[in-house]
Each structure stands twice: as C-alpha cells, then as structure tokens.
Amino acid sequence: PKAGTSWIQEVVWLVNHDADIATSNAMPSSQRTFYIELRSSRAGDKLSKLDSAAVDSPRHIKWHHSSPLLPEQVVDEGKIVYLFRNPKDTVV
C-alpha cells in the first residue's frame, strides 16, 4: 500500500522549481531529494553529509517520522510539509 510520500515529494520539488518538468524528468527524484533514513554501506552519517553538501536551496529532505525526531535546526529554520493519511486508506 502507498501513502503518498513520493507523490508529495515530487509535487513539492516542482512547486519550488517553477514546475521544471524537464529537470524532473532528466534527474531521478533520489538525486533531487535527500532521503535521510535510507541506509547503505556507503551512507555514513547522513546528517553530517547533509550539512556539508553543496546543495541548491531549498533542500528537500524525505522523512517518514514525526518532526520531533528531526534535528532542531531543521524544525526551527525549515518549512515542513506534513502528509497525514488515515491508516485505513493504506491497510490491505
């Protein structure tokens, strides 16, 4: 079952980039949005990577947890799009 997180990720990116469909189609969303909870053997400390990355503003971070688990700076200075679905919509 899907909850809409990836769909919202794409919509937010397009809104923040003047509906740049060409770039959206040319570059995978995984390269345009930082997926902070994705683990890999090469991931290292994601928060440090995010801090030091030379990324265009605004940065897009995909996160599946509640905002109190985010770094305080992200909550205080960032803008958060919160997707909330009725769990009954995703139950099979």
N, C-alpha and C. Protein backbone atom coordinates (compact mmCIF):
# COMPACT_ATOMS: atom_id res chain seq x y z
N PRO A 1 0.83 -1.21 0.00
CA PRO A 1 0.00 0.00 0.00
C PRO A 1 0.87 1.26 0.00
N LYS A 2 0.40 2.23 -0.67
CA LYS A 2 1.12 3.50 -0.77
C LYS A 2 0.42 4.57 0.06
N ALA A 3 1.21 5.49 0.61
CA ALA A 3 0.64 6.55 1.45
C ALA A 3 0.79 7.93 0.82
N GLY A 4 1.49 8.06 -0.29
CA GLY A 4 1.59 9.34 -0.99
C GLY A 4 2.85 10.14 -0.73
N THR A 5 3.80 9.59 0.00
CA THR A 5 5.00 10.34 0.35
C THR A 5 5.81 10.72 -0.89
N SER A 6 6.00 9.78 -1.80
CA SER A 6 6.79 10.07 -3.00
C SER A 6 6.07 11.05 -3.92
N TRP A 7 4.76 10.93 -3.98
CA TRP A 7 3.97 11.85 -4.80
C TRP A 7 4.10 13.28 -4.27
N ILE A 8 3.97 13.45 -2.96
CA ILE A 8 4.11 14.77 -2.34
C ILE A 8 5.53 15.29 -2.54
N GLN A 9 6.52 14.42 -2.44
CA GLN A 9 7.92 14.80 -2.65
C GLN A 9 8.07 15.42 -4.03
N GLU A 10 7.51 14.81 -5.04
CA GLU A 10 7.62 15.31 -6.41
C GLU A 10 6.87 16.63 -6.58
N VAL A 11 5.68 16.72 -6.04
CA VAL A 11 4.88 17.96 -6.15
C VAL A 11 5.61 19.12 -5.48
N VAL A 12 6.15 18.91 -4.28
CA VAL A 12 6.86 19.97 -3.57
C VAL A 12 8.09 20.41 -4.37
N TRP A 13 8.83 19.46 -4.91
CA TRP A 13 10.01 19.82 -5.70
C TRP A 13 9.60 20.66 -6.91
N LEU A 14 8.55 20.26 -7.60
CA LEU A 14 8.10 21.01 -8.77
C LEU A 14 7.62 22.41 -8.39
N VAL A 15 6.90 22.54 -7.29
CA VAL A 15 6.44 23.85 -6.84
C VAL A 15 7.65 24.76 -6.55
N ASN A 16 8.66 24.22 -5.91
CA ASN A 16 9.84 25.01 -5.55
C ASN A 16 10.77 25.29 -6.74
N HIS A 17 10.53 24.65 -7.85
CA HIS A 17 11.39 24.83 -9.03
C HIS A 17 10.58 25.25 -10.25
N ASP A 18 9.55 26.04 -10.01
CA ASP A 18 8.73 26.61 -11.10
C ASP A 18 8.28 25.57 -12.12
N ALA A 19 7.85 24.43 -11.62
CA ALA A 19 7.32 23.34 -12.46
C ALA A 19 8.30 22.95 -13.57
N ASP A 20 9.57 22.81 -13.23
CA ASP A 20 10.61 22.45 -14.19
C ASP A 20 10.52 20.96 -14.51
N ILE A 21 9.61 20.63 -15.40
CA ILE A 21 9.35 19.24 -15.78
C ILE A 21 10.57 18.61 -16.46
N ALA A 22 11.28 19.39 -17.25
CA ALA A 22 12.45 18.85 -17.97
C ALA A 22 13.49 18.32 -16.99
N THR A 23 13.83 19.10 -15.97
CA THR A 23 14.81 18.64 -14.97
C THR A 23 14.23 17.48 -14.17
N SER A 24 12.96 17.56 -13.86
CA SER A 24 12.30 16.49 -13.11
C SER A 24 12.38 15.16 -13.86
N ASN A 25 12.19 15.22 -15.17
CA ASN A 25 12.25 14.00 -15.99
C ASN A 25 13.68 13.53 -16.22
N ALA A 26 14.63 14.47 -16.24
CA ALA A 26 16.02 14.12 -16.53
C ALA A 26 16.78 13.60 -15.32
N MET A 27 16.35 14.01 -14.12
CA MET A 27 17.09 13.64 -12.91
C MET A 27 16.16 12.87 -11.96
N PRO A 28 16.55 11.69 -11.55
CA PRO A 28 15.70 10.91 -10.63
C PRO A 28 15.44 11.67 -9.33
N SER A 29 14.29 11.45 -8.75
CA SER A 29 13.94 12.14 -7.50
C SER A 29 14.92 11.82 -6.39
N SER A 30 15.56 10.67 -6.46
CA SER A 30 16.54 10.30 -5.44
C SER A 30 17.77 11.21 -5.48
N GLN A 31 18.01 11.88 -6.60
CA GLN A 31 19.11 12.82 -6.71
C GLN A 31 18.67 14.25 -6.39
N ARG A 32 17.37 14.48 -6.40
CA ARG A 32 16.85 15.82 -6.12
C ARG A 32 16.37 15.96 -4.68
N THR A 33 16.12 14.87 -4.03
CA THR A 33 15.60 14.87 -2.66
C THR A 33 16.48 13.99 -1.79
N PHE A 34 16.89 14.52 -0.67
CA PHE A 34 17.75 13.79 0.27
C PHE A 34 16.87 12.90 1.14
N TYR A 35 17.03 11.59 1.00
CA TYR A 35 16.23 10.62 1.75
C TYR A 35 17.02 10.25 3.00
N ILE A 36 16.72 10.91 4.10
CA ILE A 36 17.57 10.87 5.28
C ILE A 36 17.58 9.51 5.99
N GLU A 37 16.54 8.73 5.85
CA GLU A 37 16.52 7.46 6.58
C GLU A 37 16.97 6.27 5.75
N LEU A 38 17.32 6.50 4.49
CA LEU A 38 17.81 5.43 3.63
C LEU A 38 19.19 5.00 4.10
N ARG A 39 19.37 3.73 4.30
CA ARG A 39 20.66 3.21 4.76
C ARG A 39 21.37 2.47 3.63
N SER A 40 22.67 2.64 3.61
CA SER A 40 23.50 1.87 2.69
C SER A 40 24.88 1.74 3.32
N SER A 41 25.68 0.86 2.78
CA SER A 41 27.01 0.66 3.36
C SER A 41 27.89 1.89 3.16
N ARG A 42 27.55 2.74 2.19
CA ARG A 42 28.34 3.94 1.91
C ARG A 42 27.69 5.21 2.46
N ALA A 43 26.61 5.09 3.20
CA ALA A 43 25.85 6.27 3.62
C ALA A 43 26.58 7.14 4.62
N GLY A 44 27.28 6.54 5.57
CA GLY A 44 27.95 7.33 6.60
C GLY A 44 26.94 8.07 7.46
N ASP A 45 27.35 9.12 8.06
CA ASP A 45 26.46 9.93 8.88
C ASP A 45 25.69 10.89 7.97
N LYS A 46 24.44 10.59 7.75
CA LYS A 46 23.62 11.37 6.80
C LYS A 46 23.49 12.83 7.20
N LEU A 47 23.34 13.11 8.49
CA LEU A 47 23.16 14.50 8.91
C LEU A 47 24.42 15.32 8.64
N SER A 48 25.59 14.72 8.86
CA SER A 48 26.83 15.42 8.56
C SER A 48 26.95 15.65 7.06
N LYS A 49 26.57 14.66 6.28
CA LYS A 49 26.60 14.78 4.83
C LYS A 49 25.67 15.90 4.37
N LEU A 50 24.52 15.96 4.97
CA LEU A 50 23.54 16.97 4.60
C LEU A 50 24.07 18.36 4.91
N ASP A 51 24.71 18.51 6.06
CA ASP A 51 25.29 19.80 6.47
C ASP A 51 26.38 20.26 5.51
N SER A 52 27.22 19.33 5.10
CA SER A 52 28.38 19.71 4.29
C SER A 52 28.11 19.70 2.79
N ALA A 53 26.98 19.19 2.38
CA ALA A 53 26.68 19.09 0.96
C ALA A 53 26.46 20.46 0.35
N ALA A 54 27.00 20.64 -0.83
CA ALA A 54 26.76 21.89 -1.57
C ALA A 54 25.50 21.67 -2.40
N VAL A 55 24.37 21.90 -1.79
CA VAL A 55 23.09 21.64 -2.43
C VAL A 55 22.38 22.96 -2.66
N ASP A 56 21.74 23.06 -3.82
CA ASP A 56 20.96 24.26 -4.09
C ASP A 56 19.85 24.41 -3.07
N SER A 57 19.51 25.64 -2.80
CA SER A 57 18.42 25.93 -1.89
C SER A 57 17.14 26.07 -2.70
N PRO A 58 16.03 25.62 -2.24
CA PRO A 58 15.83 24.93 -0.97
C PRO A 58 16.21 23.46 -1.09
N ARG A 59 16.66 22.90 0.02
CA ARG A 59 16.95 21.46 0.06
C ARG A 59 15.67 20.72 0.37
N HIS A 60 15.52 19.56 -0.22
CA HIS A 60 14.35 18.73 0.03
C HIS A 60 14.79 17.47 0.75
N ILE A 61 14.17 17.21 1.87
CA ILE A 61 14.51 16.05 2.69
C ILE A 61 13.27 15.19 2.84
N LYS A 62 13.40 13.93 2.52
CA LYS A 62 12.29 12.99 2.69
C LYS A 62 12.47 12.29 4.03
N TRP A 63 11.41 12.27 4.80
CA TRP A 63 11.48 11.76 6.17
C TRP A 63 10.14 11.12 6.51
N HIS A 64 10.13 9.93 7.03
CA HIS A 64 8.88 9.23 7.34
C HIS A 64 8.49 9.29 8.82
N HIS A 65 9.23 10.03 9.62
CA HIS A 65 8.96 10.05 11.06
C HIS A 65 8.41 11.40 11.49
N SER A 66 8.02 11.51 12.74
CA SER A 66 7.46 12.77 13.23
C SER A 66 8.55 13.84 13.37
N SER A 67 8.14 15.10 13.31
CA SER A 67 9.11 16.21 13.32
C SER A 67 9.95 16.29 14.60
N PRO A 68 9.47 15.84 15.78
CA PRO A 68 10.35 15.91 16.95
C PRO A 68 11.63 15.07 16.81
N LEU A 69 11.67 14.14 15.88
CA LEU A 69 12.86 13.33 15.66
C LEU A 69 13.85 13.99 14.71
N LEU A 70 13.46 15.06 14.06
CA LEU A 70 14.36 15.79 13.18
C LEU A 70 15.31 16.65 14.00
N PRO A 71 16.46 17.00 13.44
CA PRO A 71 17.36 17.92 14.13
C PRO A 71 16.63 19.24 14.40
N GLU A 72 16.89 19.83 15.55
CA GLU A 72 16.19 21.04 15.97
C GLU A 72 16.30 22.17 14.93
N GLN A 73 17.46 22.29 14.32
CA GLN A 73 17.68 23.34 13.33
C GLN A 73 16.73 23.20 12.14
N VAL A 74 16.47 21.98 11.72
CA VAL A 74 15.57 21.74 10.60
C VAL A 74 14.15 22.19 10.96
N VAL A 75 13.72 21.86 12.16
CA VAL A 75 12.37 22.22 12.60
C VAL A 75 12.25 23.73 12.78
N ASP A 76 13.28 24.36 13.35
CA ASP A 76 13.23 25.80 13.62
C ASP A 76 13.35 26.65 12.36
N GLU A 77 14.20 26.24 11.43
CA GLU A 77 14.50 27.07 10.28
C GLU A 77 13.87 26.61 8.98
N GLY A 78 13.45 25.37 8.93
CA GLY A 78 12.93 24.83 7.68
C GLY A 78 11.42 24.96 7.57
N LYS A 79 10.92 24.60 6.42
CA LYS A 79 9.48 24.51 6.20
C LYS A 79 9.16 23.04 6.04
N ILE A 80 8.13 22.59 6.70
CA ILE A 80 7.80 21.17 6.70
C ILE A 80 6.44 20.96 6.05
N VAL A 81 6.41 20.04 5.10
CA VAL A 81 5.15 19.58 4.51
C VAL A 81 4.86 18.25 5.18
N TYR A 82 3.76 18.20 5.88
CA TYR A 82 3.43 17.00 6.66
C TYR A 82 2.27 16.30 5.98
N LEU A 83 2.48 15.08 5.56
CA LEU A 83 1.44 14.27 4.94
C LEU A 83 0.86 13.34 6.00
N PHE A 84 -0.41 13.47 6.24
CA PHE A 84 -1.07 12.60 7.21
C PHE A 84 -2.22 11.91 6.51
N ARG A 85 -2.22 10.60 6.56
CA ARG A 85 -3.28 9.82 5.93
C ARG A 85 -3.99 8.99 6.98
N ASN A 86 -5.22 8.71 6.74
CA ASN A 86 -5.96 7.79 7.59
C ASN A 86 -5.36 6.40 7.36
N PRO A 87 -4.90 5.74 8.42
CA PRO A 87 -4.29 4.41 8.25
C PRO A 87 -5.20 3.41 7.54
N LYS A 88 -6.49 3.62 7.64
CA LYS A 88 -7.43 2.72 6.98
C LYS A 88 -7.31 2.80 5.45
N ASP A 89 -6.78 3.92 4.94
CA ASP A 89 -6.60 4.07 3.50
C ASP A 89 -5.48 3.20 2.96
N THR A 90 -4.56 2.79 3.82
CA THR A 90 -3.41 2.03 3.35
C THR A 90 -3.42 0.57 3.80
N VAL A 91 -4.42 0.18 4.54
CA VAL A 91 -4.50 -1.20 5.04
C VAL A 91 -5.08 -2.09 3.95
N VAL A 92 -4.46 -3.22 3.77
CA VAL A 92 -4.94 -4.18 2.77
C VAL A 92 -5.81 -5.20 3.46
